[in-house]
């Protein structure tokens, strides 16, 4: 009888052929670079809300900061301040409470209300009032920004654009002239208005 031959198993490890993978990577790199060149990335400097156990008691001799807050609501903007009477500084009368609250003897609501022009936010009036507050508090740079949960983020960005830099004029009468205005330059740099934006927590 003929003996069957035993099958032998090769234990040698062959080198992987990396050429196809390298060719694929070489082809993908130019595509990624071209795609990245078409993507616009913007960076906005903001500060997160501050949470803590408490704050040290302020020095009574120091001037109290303005504590300006700009709130974005569905019907317009509301400006409030913790360190000054913002209505007096802007020459405004406190906003009247809603009809139901007024009948119950509720006091006027604090702050200055800037209603929409139809369905469009009134960035022009917001800028005009921020300039007045800046002139009264030249050393102040911090403004708290809050918005209702339903407000799209694009409106938050537009408000930040309206408050960061001072424009050529201090007041504008219409949205067209405000939109077409250029930033005011000082020593070849854009003059700042309220550049330090802090995202605040909306309070109901």
N, C-alpha and C. Protein backbone atom coordinates (compact mmCIF):
# COMPACT_ATOMS: atom_id res chain seq x y z
N UNK A 1 0.84 -1.19 0.00
CA UNK A 1 0.00 0.00 0.00
C UNK A 1 0.87 1.23 0.00
N UNK A 2 0.40 2.21 -0.75
CA UNK A 2 1.18 3.47 -0.82
C UNK A 2 0.85 4.33 0.39
N UNK A 3 1.87 4.87 0.95
CA UNK A 3 1.68 5.75 2.10
C UNK A 3 1.21 7.14 1.65
N UNK A 4 0.23 7.72 2.41
CA UNK A 4 -0.24 9.08 2.09
C UNK A 4 0.76 10.11 2.56
N UNK A 5 0.91 11.11 1.76
CA UNK A 5 1.84 12.16 2.10
C UNK A 5 1.20 13.13 3.11
N UNK A 6 1.92 13.47 4.11
CA UNK A 6 1.43 14.42 5.09
C UNK A 6 1.53 15.85 4.54
N UNK A 7 0.44 16.60 4.78
CA UNK A 7 0.44 18.00 4.35
C UNK A 7 1.24 18.84 5.34
N UNK A 8 2.06 19.67 4.81
CA UNK A 8 2.87 20.54 5.67
C UNK A 8 2.28 21.95 5.67
N UNK A 9 2.29 22.58 6.83
CA UNK A 9 1.77 23.94 6.99
C UNK A 9 2.94 24.89 7.11
N UNK A 10 2.92 25.88 6.30
CA UNK A 10 4.01 26.87 6.31
C UNK A 10 3.78 27.84 7.46
N UNK A 11 4.80 28.06 8.24
CA UNK A 11 4.74 28.97 9.38
C UNK A 11 5.40 30.31 9.09
N UNK A 12 5.80 30.52 7.89
CA UNK A 12 6.44 31.78 7.52
C UNK A 12 5.38 32.88 7.40
N UNK A 13 5.67 34.05 7.92
CA UNK A 13 4.76 35.22 7.86
C UNK A 13 5.21 36.14 6.74
N UNK A 14 4.32 36.32 5.82
CA UNK A 14 4.66 37.18 4.69
C UNK A 14 4.41 38.63 5.05
N UNK A 15 5.19 39.51 4.48
CA UNK A 15 5.01 40.94 4.70
C UNK A 15 3.74 41.42 4.02
N UNK A 16 3.03 42.33 4.74
CA UNK A 16 1.80 42.87 4.18
C UNK A 16 2.13 43.80 3.01
N UNK A 17 1.26 43.77 2.03
CA UNK A 17 1.43 44.66 0.88
C UNK A 17 0.71 45.97 1.18
N UNK A 18 1.45 46.99 1.61
CA UNK A 18 0.86 48.27 2.00
C UNK A 18 0.74 49.24 0.84
N UNK A 19 1.16 48.83 -0.31
CA UNK A 19 1.14 49.75 -1.46
C UNK A 19 -0.28 50.22 -1.79
N UNK A 20 -1.31 49.35 -1.83
CA UNK A 20 -2.66 49.86 -2.14
C UNK A 20 -3.18 50.85 -1.11
N UNK A 21 -2.89 50.59 0.18
CA UNK A 21 -3.36 51.52 1.22
C UNK A 21 -2.63 52.85 1.11
N UNK A 22 -1.33 52.80 0.85
CA UNK A 22 -0.57 54.05 0.71
C UNK A 22 -1.04 54.85 -0.49
N UNK A 23 -1.38 54.16 -1.56
CA UNK A 23 -1.90 54.86 -2.74
C UNK A 23 -3.23 55.54 -2.42
N UNK A 24 -4.07 54.86 -1.62
CA UNK A 24 -5.36 55.45 -1.25
C UNK A 24 -5.16 56.69 -0.39
N UNK A 25 -4.22 56.62 0.57
CA UNK A 25 -3.96 57.76 1.44
C UNK A 25 -3.42 58.93 0.63
N UNK A 26 -2.52 58.65 -0.29
CA UNK A 26 -1.96 59.72 -1.12
C UNK A 26 -3.05 60.39 -1.95
N UNK A 27 -4.04 59.63 -2.39
CA UNK A 27 -5.13 60.22 -3.16
C UNK A 27 -6.09 61.01 -2.28
N UNK A 28 -6.26 60.59 -1.01
CA UNK A 28 -7.21 61.27 -0.13
C UNK A 28 -6.66 62.58 0.42
N UNK A 29 -5.35 62.68 0.61
CA UNK A 29 -4.77 63.89 1.20
C UNK A 29 -5.10 65.14 0.39
N UNK A 30 -4.91 65.18 -0.93
CA UNK A 30 -5.30 66.39 -1.68
C UNK A 30 -6.78 66.70 -1.59
N UNK A 31 -7.62 65.66 -1.54
CA UNK A 31 -9.06 65.91 -1.44
C UNK A 31 -9.41 66.55 -0.10
N UNK A 32 -8.77 66.10 0.99
CA UNK A 32 -9.02 66.69 2.31
C UNK A 32 -8.54 68.13 2.36
N UNK A 33 -7.36 68.39 1.78
CA UNK A 33 -6.83 69.76 1.79
C UNK A 33 -7.71 70.71 0.99
N UNK A 34 -8.21 70.25 -0.14
CA UNK A 34 -9.09 71.09 -0.95
C UNK A 34 -10.40 71.34 -0.20
N UNK A 35 -10.93 70.31 0.46
CA UNK A 35 -12.16 70.49 1.21
C UNK A 35 -12.00 71.45 2.37
N UNK A 36 -10.87 71.39 3.07
CA UNK A 36 -10.65 72.29 4.19
C UNK A 36 -10.49 73.73 3.74
N UNK A 37 -9.95 73.94 2.55
CA UNK A 37 -9.80 75.30 2.06
C UNK A 37 -11.12 75.96 1.73
N UNK A 38 -12.16 75.17 1.52
CA UNK A 38 -13.49 75.71 1.20
C UNK A 38 -14.34 75.93 2.44
N UNK A 39 -13.88 75.48 3.60
CA UNK A 39 -14.65 75.62 4.84
C UNK A 39 -14.18 76.86 5.58
N UNK A 40 -15.12 77.73 5.93
CA UNK A 40 -14.80 78.95 6.68
C UNK A 40 -15.06 78.70 8.16
N UNK A 41 -14.07 78.96 8.96
CA UNK A 41 -14.17 78.75 10.40
C UNK A 41 -13.98 80.09 11.10
N UNK A 42 -14.94 80.45 11.92
CA UNK A 42 -14.86 81.70 12.68
C UNK A 42 -14.71 81.42 14.15
N UNK A 43 -13.93 82.23 14.82
CA UNK A 43 -13.70 82.09 16.25
C UNK A 43 -14.24 83.33 16.95
N UNK A 44 -15.09 83.13 17.95
CA UNK A 44 -15.68 84.22 18.70
C UNK A 44 -15.24 84.11 20.15
N UNK A 45 -14.64 85.17 20.64
CA UNK A 45 -14.18 85.16 22.02
C UNK A 45 -15.34 85.50 22.96
N UNK A 46 -15.72 84.53 23.76
CA UNK A 46 -16.76 84.73 24.76
C UNK A 46 -16.33 84.04 26.04
N UNK A 47 -16.99 84.38 27.11
CA UNK A 47 -16.74 83.76 28.41
C UNK A 47 -17.97 83.00 28.84
N UNK A 48 -17.76 81.86 29.46
CA UNK A 48 -18.87 81.04 29.93
C UNK A 48 -19.46 81.66 31.20
N UNK A 49 -20.69 81.30 31.55
CA UNK A 49 -21.27 81.79 32.81
C UNK A 49 -20.41 81.37 34.00
N UNK A 50 -20.35 82.24 34.99
CA UNK A 50 -19.53 81.97 36.16
C UNK A 50 -20.39 81.42 37.28
N UNK A 51 -19.99 80.28 37.79
CA UNK A 51 -20.68 79.68 38.90
C UNK A 51 -19.70 79.56 40.06
N UNK A 52 -20.17 79.77 41.25
CA UNK A 52 -19.26 79.67 42.39
C UNK A 52 -20.04 79.65 43.69
N UNK A 53 -19.32 79.44 44.77
CA UNK A 53 -19.95 79.38 46.08
C UNK A 53 -20.35 80.76 46.58
N UNK A 54 -19.74 81.80 46.03
CA UNK A 54 -20.05 83.14 46.49
C UNK A 54 -18.96 84.10 46.11
N UNK A 55 -19.20 85.37 46.29
CA UNK A 55 -18.24 86.40 45.95
C UNK A 55 -17.88 87.17 47.20
N UNK A 56 -16.65 87.68 47.18
CA UNK A 56 -16.21 88.49 48.31
C UNK A 56 -17.00 89.79 48.33
N UNK A 57 -17.18 90.33 49.51
CA UNK A 57 -17.94 91.57 49.65
C UNK A 57 -17.20 92.71 48.98
N UNK A 58 -17.90 93.51 48.17
CA UNK A 58 -17.23 94.60 47.46
C UNK A 58 -16.78 95.69 48.42
N UNK A 59 -15.73 96.36 48.01
CA UNK A 59 -15.21 97.48 48.79
C UNK A 59 -16.17 98.65 48.63
N UNK A 60 -16.70 99.23 49.73
CA UNK A 60 -17.66 100.33 49.59
C UNK A 60 -17.04 101.57 48.95
N UNK A 61 -15.71 101.69 48.99
CA UNK A 61 -15.07 102.85 48.39
C UNK A 61 -14.92 102.72 46.88
N UNK A 62 -15.00 101.49 46.37
CA UNK A 62 -14.86 101.29 44.93
C UNK A 62 -16.18 101.58 44.23
N UNK A 63 -16.03 102.07 43.00
CA UNK A 63 -17.23 102.36 42.20
C UNK A 63 -17.85 101.04 41.75
N UNK A 64 -19.14 100.93 41.91
CA UNK A 64 -19.84 99.71 41.55
C UNK A 64 -19.89 99.56 40.03
N UNK A 65 -19.55 98.37 39.51
CA UNK A 65 -19.60 98.18 38.06
C UNK A 65 -21.02 98.27 37.53
N UNK A 66 -21.13 98.58 36.26
CA UNK A 66 -22.45 98.76 35.66
C UNK A 66 -23.25 97.46 35.67
N UNK A 67 -22.61 96.35 35.37
CA UNK A 67 -23.34 95.08 35.33
C UNK A 67 -24.38 95.04 34.24
N UNK A 68 -23.99 95.44 33.03
CA UNK A 68 -24.93 95.52 31.91
C UNK A 68 -25.29 94.13 31.41
N UNK A 69 -26.58 93.92 31.16
CA UNK A 69 -27.09 92.67 30.61
C UNK A 69 -27.99 92.96 29.43
N UNK A 70 -27.75 92.26 28.32
CA UNK A 70 -28.61 92.35 27.14
C UNK A 70 -29.31 91.01 26.99
N UNK A 71 -30.63 91.03 27.08
CA UNK A 71 -31.44 89.81 26.97
C UNK A 71 -32.16 89.82 25.63
N UNK A 72 -32.09 88.69 24.93
CA UNK A 72 -32.76 88.54 23.64
C UNK A 72 -34.03 87.73 23.86
N UNK A 73 -35.16 88.35 23.59
CA UNK A 73 -36.45 87.68 23.72
C UNK A 73 -37.09 87.56 22.34
N UNK A 74 -38.21 86.88 22.27
CA UNK A 74 -38.87 86.69 20.99
C UNK A 74 -39.47 87.98 20.46
N UNK A 75 -39.73 88.96 21.34
CA UNK A 75 -40.35 90.20 20.91
C UNK A 75 -39.38 91.38 20.88
N UNK A 76 -38.11 91.16 21.24
CA UNK A 76 -37.16 92.27 21.20
C UNK A 76 -36.03 92.09 22.20
N UNK A 77 -35.34 93.19 22.49
CA UNK A 77 -34.23 93.19 23.44
C UNK A 77 -34.64 93.88 24.74
N UNK A 78 -34.01 93.45 25.83
CA UNK A 78 -34.20 94.13 27.11
C UNK A 78 -32.83 94.39 27.71
N UNK A 79 -32.58 95.64 28.07
CA UNK A 79 -31.33 96.05 28.69
C UNK A 79 -31.55 96.31 30.17
N UNK A 80 -30.73 95.68 31.00
CA UNK A 80 -30.80 95.89 32.44
C UNK A 80 -29.39 96.10 32.96
N UNK A 81 -29.31 96.66 34.17
CA UNK A 81 -28.02 96.90 34.81
C UNK A 81 -28.19 96.77 36.31
N UNK A 82 -27.18 96.22 36.96
CA UNK A 82 -27.23 96.04 38.40
C UNK A 82 -26.54 97.17 39.15
N UNK A 83 -25.70 97.93 38.46
CA UNK A 83 -24.93 98.96 39.15
C UNK A 83 -25.39 100.37 38.91
N UNK A 84 -26.46 100.55 38.15
CA UNK A 84 -26.95 101.90 37.86
C UNK A 84 -28.39 101.80 37.38
N UNK A 85 -29.08 102.94 37.41
CA UNK A 85 -30.44 103.01 36.90
C UNK A 85 -30.35 103.24 35.39
N UNK A 86 -30.51 102.17 34.64
CA UNK A 86 -30.30 102.25 33.21
C UNK A 86 -31.35 103.14 32.54
N UNK A 87 -32.54 103.20 33.11
CA UNK A 87 -33.57 104.07 32.54
C UNK A 87 -33.17 105.53 32.64
N UNK A 88 -32.60 105.91 33.78
CA UNK A 88 -32.16 107.29 33.96
C UNK A 88 -31.01 107.63 33.02
N UNK A 89 -30.07 106.72 32.85
CA UNK A 89 -28.91 106.98 32.00
C UNK A 89 -29.31 107.13 30.54
N UNK A 90 -30.32 106.40 30.12
CA UNK A 90 -30.76 106.46 28.73
C UNK A 90 -31.92 107.42 28.53
N UNK A 91 -32.41 108.03 29.62
CA UNK A 91 -33.53 108.94 29.50
C UNK A 91 -34.82 108.25 29.11
N UNK A 92 -34.99 107.01 29.55
CA UNK A 92 -36.18 106.23 29.22
C UNK A 92 -37.06 106.09 30.45
N UNK A 93 -38.33 105.86 30.22
CA UNK A 93 -39.25 105.55 31.32
C UNK A 93 -39.36 104.04 31.45
N UNK A 94 -39.46 103.51 32.67
CA UNK A 94 -39.57 102.05 32.83
C UNK A 94 -40.73 101.49 32.04
N UNK A 95 -40.52 100.31 31.49
CA UNK A 95 -41.56 99.68 30.67
C UNK A 95 -42.77 99.35 31.52
N UNK A 96 -43.94 99.61 30.97
CA UNK A 96 -45.18 99.32 31.70
C UNK A 96 -45.38 97.81 31.78
N UNK A 97 -45.91 97.30 32.89
CA UNK A 97 -46.17 95.86 33.02
C UNK A 97 -47.32 95.45 32.11
N UNK A 98 -47.44 94.16 31.83
CA UNK A 98 -48.59 93.69 31.04
C UNK A 98 -49.91 94.09 31.68
N UNK A 99 -50.97 94.05 30.89
CA UNK A 99 -52.27 94.55 31.35
C UNK A 99 -52.74 93.84 32.62
N UNK A 100 -52.58 92.52 32.66
CA UNK A 100 -53.02 91.78 33.84
C UNK A 100 -52.23 92.14 35.08
N UNK A 101 -50.90 92.31 34.92
CA UNK A 101 -50.07 92.68 36.06
C UNK A 101 -50.32 94.12 36.49
N UNK A 102 -50.61 94.99 35.51
CA UNK A 102 -50.88 96.39 35.85
C UNK A 102 -52.15 96.50 36.68
N UNK A 103 -53.15 95.68 36.34
CA UNK A 103 -54.40 95.72 37.10
C UNK A 103 -54.18 95.23 38.53
N UNK A 104 -53.17 94.36 38.71
CA UNK A 104 -52.88 93.83 40.04
C UNK A 104 -51.96 94.76 40.83
N UNK A 105 -51.63 95.91 40.23
CA UNK A 105 -50.79 96.87 40.93
C UNK A 105 -49.31 96.57 40.88
N UNK A 106 -48.86 95.83 39.84
CA UNK A 106 -47.45 95.51 39.71
C UNK A 106 -46.66 96.75 39.29
N UNK A 107 -45.44 96.93 39.79
CA UNK A 107 -44.63 98.10 39.40
C UNK A 107 -44.11 97.94 37.98
N UNK A 108 -43.62 99.02 37.38
CA UNK A 108 -43.04 98.92 36.04
C UNK A 108 -41.87 97.95 36.02
N UNK A 109 -41.69 97.29 34.88
CA UNK A 109 -40.61 96.32 34.74
C UNK A 109 -39.27 97.03 34.65
N UNK A 110 -38.24 96.50 35.31
CA UNK A 110 -36.93 97.14 35.25
C UNK A 110 -36.30 96.97 33.88
N UNK A 111 -35.44 97.92 33.55
CA UNK A 111 -34.72 97.82 32.29
C UNK A 111 -35.38 98.60 31.17
N UNK A 112 -34.70 98.60 30.04
CA UNK A 112 -35.16 99.29 28.83
C UNK A 112 -35.50 98.25 27.79
N UNK A 113 -36.69 98.34 27.23
CA UNK A 113 -37.15 97.38 26.23
C UNK A 113 -37.02 97.98 24.84
N UNK A 114 -36.44 97.21 23.91
CA UNK A 114 -36.29 97.62 22.51
C UNK A 114 -37.11 96.64 21.68
N UNK A 115 -38.31 97.03 21.24
CA UNK A 115 -39.16 96.09 20.49
C UNK A 115 -38.64 95.88 19.08
N UNK A 116 -39.15 94.83 18.45
CA UNK A 116 -38.81 94.55 17.06
C UNK A 116 -39.45 95.58 16.13
N UNK A 117 -38.83 95.74 14.95
CA UNK A 117 -39.45 96.49 13.86
C UNK A 117 -40.18 95.47 12.98
N UNK A 118 -41.42 95.23 13.29
CA UNK A 118 -42.13 94.17 12.60
C UNK A 118 -41.63 92.82 13.07
N UNK A 119 -40.99 92.08 12.15
CA UNK A 119 -40.42 90.77 12.48
C UNK A 119 -38.90 90.82 12.59
N UNK A 120 -38.32 92.01 12.55
CA UNK A 120 -36.86 92.16 12.52
C UNK A 120 -36.40 92.80 13.82
N UNK A 121 -35.34 92.25 14.40
CA UNK A 121 -34.77 92.84 15.61
C UNK A 121 -34.18 94.22 15.29
N UNK A 122 -34.32 95.14 16.24
CA UNK A 122 -33.87 96.52 16.05
C UNK A 122 -32.44 96.65 16.54
N UNK A 123 -31.48 96.18 15.72
CA UNK A 123 -30.07 96.28 16.08
C UNK A 123 -29.60 97.73 16.09
N UNK A 124 -30.23 98.58 15.30
CA UNK A 124 -29.83 99.98 15.23
C UNK A 124 -30.07 100.68 16.56
N UNK A 125 -31.26 100.54 17.11
CA UNK A 125 -31.56 101.17 18.40
C UNK A 125 -30.73 100.55 19.51
N UNK A 126 -30.46 99.25 19.43
CA UNK A 126 -29.60 98.60 20.42
C UNK A 126 -28.22 99.23 20.41
N UNK A 127 -27.65 99.41 19.23
CA UNK A 127 -26.32 100.03 19.13
C UNK A 127 -26.34 101.45 19.67
N UNK A 128 -27.35 102.24 19.32
CA UNK A 128 -27.42 103.62 19.79
C UNK A 128 -27.41 103.70 21.32
N UNK A 129 -28.16 102.82 21.95
CA UNK A 129 -28.22 102.84 23.42
C UNK A 129 -26.92 102.32 24.05
N UNK A 130 -26.29 101.36 23.42
CA UNK A 130 -25.02 100.86 23.95
C UNK A 130 -23.92 101.91 23.87
N UNK A 131 -23.97 102.76 22.86
CA UNK A 131 -22.99 103.85 22.75
C UNK A 131 -23.17 104.84 23.89
N UNK A 132 -24.42 105.17 24.21
CA UNK A 132 -24.68 106.10 25.32
C UNK A 132 -24.16 105.51 26.64
N UNK A 133 -24.43 104.24 26.86
CA UNK A 133 -23.95 103.60 28.09
C UNK A 133 -22.43 103.54 28.13
N UNK A 134 -21.81 103.32 26.98
CA UNK A 134 -20.35 103.28 26.93
C UNK A 134 -19.76 104.65 27.24
N UNK A 135 -20.38 105.71 26.73
CA UNK A 135 -19.88 107.06 27.01
C UNK A 135 -20.01 107.40 28.49
N UNK A 136 -21.03 106.88 29.15
CA UNK A 136 -21.20 107.13 30.58
C UNK A 136 -20.30 106.24 31.44
N UNK A 137 -19.84 105.12 30.87
CA UNK A 137 -18.98 104.18 31.60
C UNK A 137 -17.85 103.76 30.67
N UNK A 138 -16.91 104.68 30.47
CA UNK A 138 -15.85 104.47 29.48
C UNK A 138 -14.94 103.30 29.84
N UNK A 139 -14.79 103.00 31.12
CA UNK A 139 -13.88 101.94 31.54
C UNK A 139 -14.54 100.55 31.51
N UNK A 140 -15.82 100.50 31.30
CA UNK A 140 -16.53 99.22 31.30
C UNK A 140 -16.36 98.53 29.94
N UNK A 141 -16.13 97.23 29.97
CA UNK A 141 -16.01 96.44 28.74
C UNK A 141 -16.86 95.18 28.76
N UNK A 142 -17.36 94.80 29.93
CA UNK A 142 -18.06 93.52 30.08
C UNK A 142 -19.56 93.72 29.92
N UNK A 143 -20.17 92.85 29.13
CA UNK A 143 -21.62 92.84 28.96
C UNK A 143 -22.09 91.40 29.03
N UNK A 144 -23.12 91.16 29.83
CA UNK A 144 -23.72 89.83 29.93
C UNK A 144 -24.76 89.67 28.83
N UNK A 145 -24.74 88.53 28.18
CA UNK A 145 -25.67 88.26 27.08
C UNK A 145 -26.45 86.99 27.38
N UNK A 146 -27.76 87.11 27.32
CA UNK A 146 -28.62 85.96 27.55
C UNK A 146 -29.73 85.96 26.50
N UNK A 147 -30.33 84.80 26.30
CA UNK A 147 -31.36 84.67 25.28
C UNK A 147 -32.33 83.58 25.69
N UNK A 148 -33.57 83.71 25.21
CA UNK A 148 -34.55 82.66 25.42
C UNK A 148 -34.10 81.38 24.70
N UNK A 149 -34.56 80.26 25.21
CA UNK A 149 -34.13 78.97 24.65
C UNK A 149 -34.56 78.80 23.19
N UNK A 150 -35.62 79.47 22.77
CA UNK A 150 -36.13 79.30 21.41
C UNK A 150 -35.45 80.22 20.39
N UNK A 151 -34.56 81.09 20.85
CA UNK A 151 -33.93 82.04 19.94
C UNK A 151 -32.84 81.33 19.13
N UNK A 152 -32.88 81.37 17.80
CA UNK A 152 -31.80 80.77 16.99
C UNK A 152 -30.46 81.44 17.28
N UNK A 153 -29.40 80.67 17.20
CA UNK A 153 -28.08 81.18 17.57
C UNK A 153 -27.60 82.28 16.64
N UNK A 154 -28.11 82.34 15.41
CA UNK A 154 -27.67 83.37 14.48
C UNK A 154 -28.01 84.77 15.00
N UNK A 155 -29.10 84.90 15.75
CA UNK A 155 -29.46 86.20 16.31
C UNK A 155 -28.52 86.57 17.46
N UNK A 156 -28.04 85.58 18.19
CA UNK A 156 -27.05 85.85 19.24
C UNK A 156 -25.77 86.40 18.62
N UNK A 157 -25.35 85.81 17.50
CA UNK A 157 -24.14 86.27 16.81
C UNK A 157 -24.32 87.69 16.31
N UNK A 158 -25.50 88.02 15.76
CA UNK A 158 -25.74 89.36 15.25
C UNK A 158 -25.71 90.40 16.37
N UNK A 159 -26.24 90.04 17.54
CA UNK A 159 -26.19 90.95 18.68
C UNK A 159 -24.75 91.18 19.11
N UNK A 160 -23.95 90.14 19.14
CA UNK A 160 -22.55 90.27 19.50
C UNK A 160 -21.80 91.15 18.50
N UNK A 161 -22.13 91.02 17.22
CA UNK A 161 -21.51 91.87 16.21
C UNK A 161 -21.90 93.33 16.40
N UNK A 162 -23.15 93.57 16.84
CA UNK A 162 -23.62 94.94 17.00
C UNK A 162 -23.01 95.63 18.21
N UNK A 163 -22.54 94.86 19.20
CA UNK A 163 -22.07 95.47 20.45
C UNK A 163 -20.55 95.49 20.59
N UNK A 164 -19.83 94.80 19.74
CA UNK A 164 -18.38 94.67 19.94
C UNK A 164 -17.61 95.93 19.55
N UNK A 165 -17.96 96.56 18.43
CA UNK A 165 -17.16 97.65 17.89
C UNK A 165 -17.99 98.92 17.73
N UNK A 166 -17.33 100.05 17.93
CA UNK A 166 -17.96 101.35 17.67
C UNK A 166 -17.85 101.66 16.19
N UNK A 167 -18.91 102.17 15.62
CA UNK A 167 -18.94 102.48 14.20
C UNK A 167 -18.59 103.95 13.97
N UNK A 168 -18.63 104.37 12.71
CA UNK A 168 -18.22 105.72 12.34
C UNK A 168 -19.05 106.78 13.06
N UNK A 169 -20.34 106.53 13.20
CA UNK A 169 -21.23 107.46 13.90
C UNK A 169 -21.70 106.84 15.20
N UNK A 170 -22.12 107.70 16.13
CA UNK A 170 -22.62 107.21 17.41
C UNK A 170 -24.09 106.85 17.38
N UNK A 171 -24.82 107.42 16.44
CA UNK A 171 -26.25 107.10 16.32
C UNK A 171 -26.60 106.92 14.85
N UNK A 172 -27.56 106.06 14.61
CA UNK A 172 -28.06 105.81 13.26
C UNK A 172 -29.59 105.82 13.31
N UNK A 173 -30.17 106.33 12.23
CA UNK A 173 -31.62 106.50 12.18
C UNK A 173 -32.34 105.31 11.54
N UNK A 174 -31.64 104.56 10.71
CA UNK A 174 -32.30 103.45 10.02
C UNK A 174 -31.34 102.28 9.90
N UNK A 175 -31.90 101.12 9.61
CA UNK A 175 -31.11 99.91 9.54
C UNK A 175 -30.16 99.90 8.35
N UNK A 176 -30.55 100.57 7.25
CA UNK A 176 -29.70 100.57 6.07
C UNK A 176 -28.37 101.27 6.33
N UNK A 177 -28.42 102.46 6.92
CA UNK A 177 -27.19 103.18 7.20
C UNK A 177 -26.36 102.47 8.28
N UNK A 178 -27.02 101.83 9.23
CA UNK A 178 -26.31 101.10 10.27
C UNK A 178 -25.58 99.89 9.69
N UNK A 179 -26.25 99.17 8.79
CA UNK A 179 -25.63 97.98 8.19
C UNK A 179 -24.46 98.35 7.29
N UNK A 180 -24.57 99.50 6.61
CA UNK A 180 -23.52 99.90 5.67
C UNK A 180 -22.35 100.61 6.35
N UNK A 181 -22.46 100.92 7.64
CA UNK A 181 -21.41 101.67 8.34
C UNK A 181 -20.18 100.82 8.55
N UNK A 182 -19.02 101.48 8.58
CA UNK A 182 -17.75 100.82 8.80
C UNK A 182 -17.29 101.06 10.24
N UNK A 183 -16.48 100.16 10.79
CA UNK A 183 -15.98 100.37 12.15
C UNK A 183 -15.12 101.63 12.25
N UNK A 184 -15.19 102.27 13.39
CA UNK A 184 -14.37 103.44 13.64
C UNK A 184 -12.95 103.02 13.98
N UNK A 185 -11.96 103.65 13.33
CA UNK A 185 -10.58 103.27 13.50
C UNK A 185 -9.87 104.25 14.44
N UNK A 186 -9.03 103.71 15.29
CA UNK A 186 -8.22 104.50 16.19
C UNK A 186 -6.83 103.87 16.26
N UNK A 187 -5.83 104.62 15.80
CA UNK A 187 -4.45 104.11 15.75
C UNK A 187 -4.39 102.82 14.93
N UNK A 188 -5.06 102.85 13.78
CA UNK A 188 -5.09 101.71 12.86
C UNK A 188 -5.72 100.46 13.48
N UNK A 189 -6.52 100.64 14.52
CA UNK A 189 -7.23 99.53 15.13
C UNK A 189 -8.70 99.90 15.27
N UNK A 190 -9.55 98.88 15.21
CA UNK A 190 -10.97 99.10 15.39
C UNK A 190 -11.26 99.49 16.84
N UNK A 191 -12.00 100.59 17.01
CA UNK A 191 -12.33 101.04 18.35
C UNK A 191 -13.39 100.13 18.95
N UNK A 192 -13.13 99.67 20.17
CA UNK A 192 -14.02 98.71 20.82
C UNK A 192 -15.18 99.42 21.49
N UNK A 193 -16.30 98.72 21.59
CA UNK A 193 -17.47 99.24 22.28
C UNK A 193 -17.71 98.41 23.55
N UNK A 194 -18.30 97.24 23.41
CA UNK A 194 -18.48 96.29 24.52
C UNK A 194 -17.90 94.96 24.07
N UNK A 195 -16.60 94.78 24.13
CA UNK A 195 -15.97 93.60 23.51
C UNK A 195 -16.01 92.34 24.37
N UNK A 196 -16.10 92.46 25.69
CA UNK A 196 -16.02 91.31 26.57
C UNK A 196 -17.42 90.77 26.85
N UNK A 197 -17.82 89.78 26.06
CA UNK A 197 -19.16 89.21 26.16
C UNK A 197 -19.11 87.99 27.06
N UNK A 198 -20.02 87.96 28.04
CA UNK A 198 -20.15 86.82 28.95
C UNK A 198 -21.54 86.21 28.76
N UNK A 199 -21.59 84.94 28.44
CA UNK A 199 -22.88 84.28 28.33
C UNK A 199 -23.47 84.09 29.72
N UNK A 200 -24.64 84.63 29.91
CA UNK A 200 -25.30 84.55 31.22
C UNK A 200 -26.44 83.54 31.14
N UNK A 201 -26.87 83.10 32.29
CA UNK A 201 -27.98 82.15 32.39
C UNK A 201 -29.29 82.92 32.42
N UNK A 202 -30.19 82.57 31.53
CA UNK A 202 -31.49 83.26 31.48
C UNK A 202 -32.30 82.93 32.72
N UNK A 203 -32.91 83.95 33.30
CA UNK A 203 -33.75 83.79 34.49
C UNK A 203 -35.19 84.03 34.11
N UNK A 204 -36.04 83.13 34.51
CA UNK A 204 -37.48 83.27 34.22
C UNK A 204 -38.15 84.06 35.32
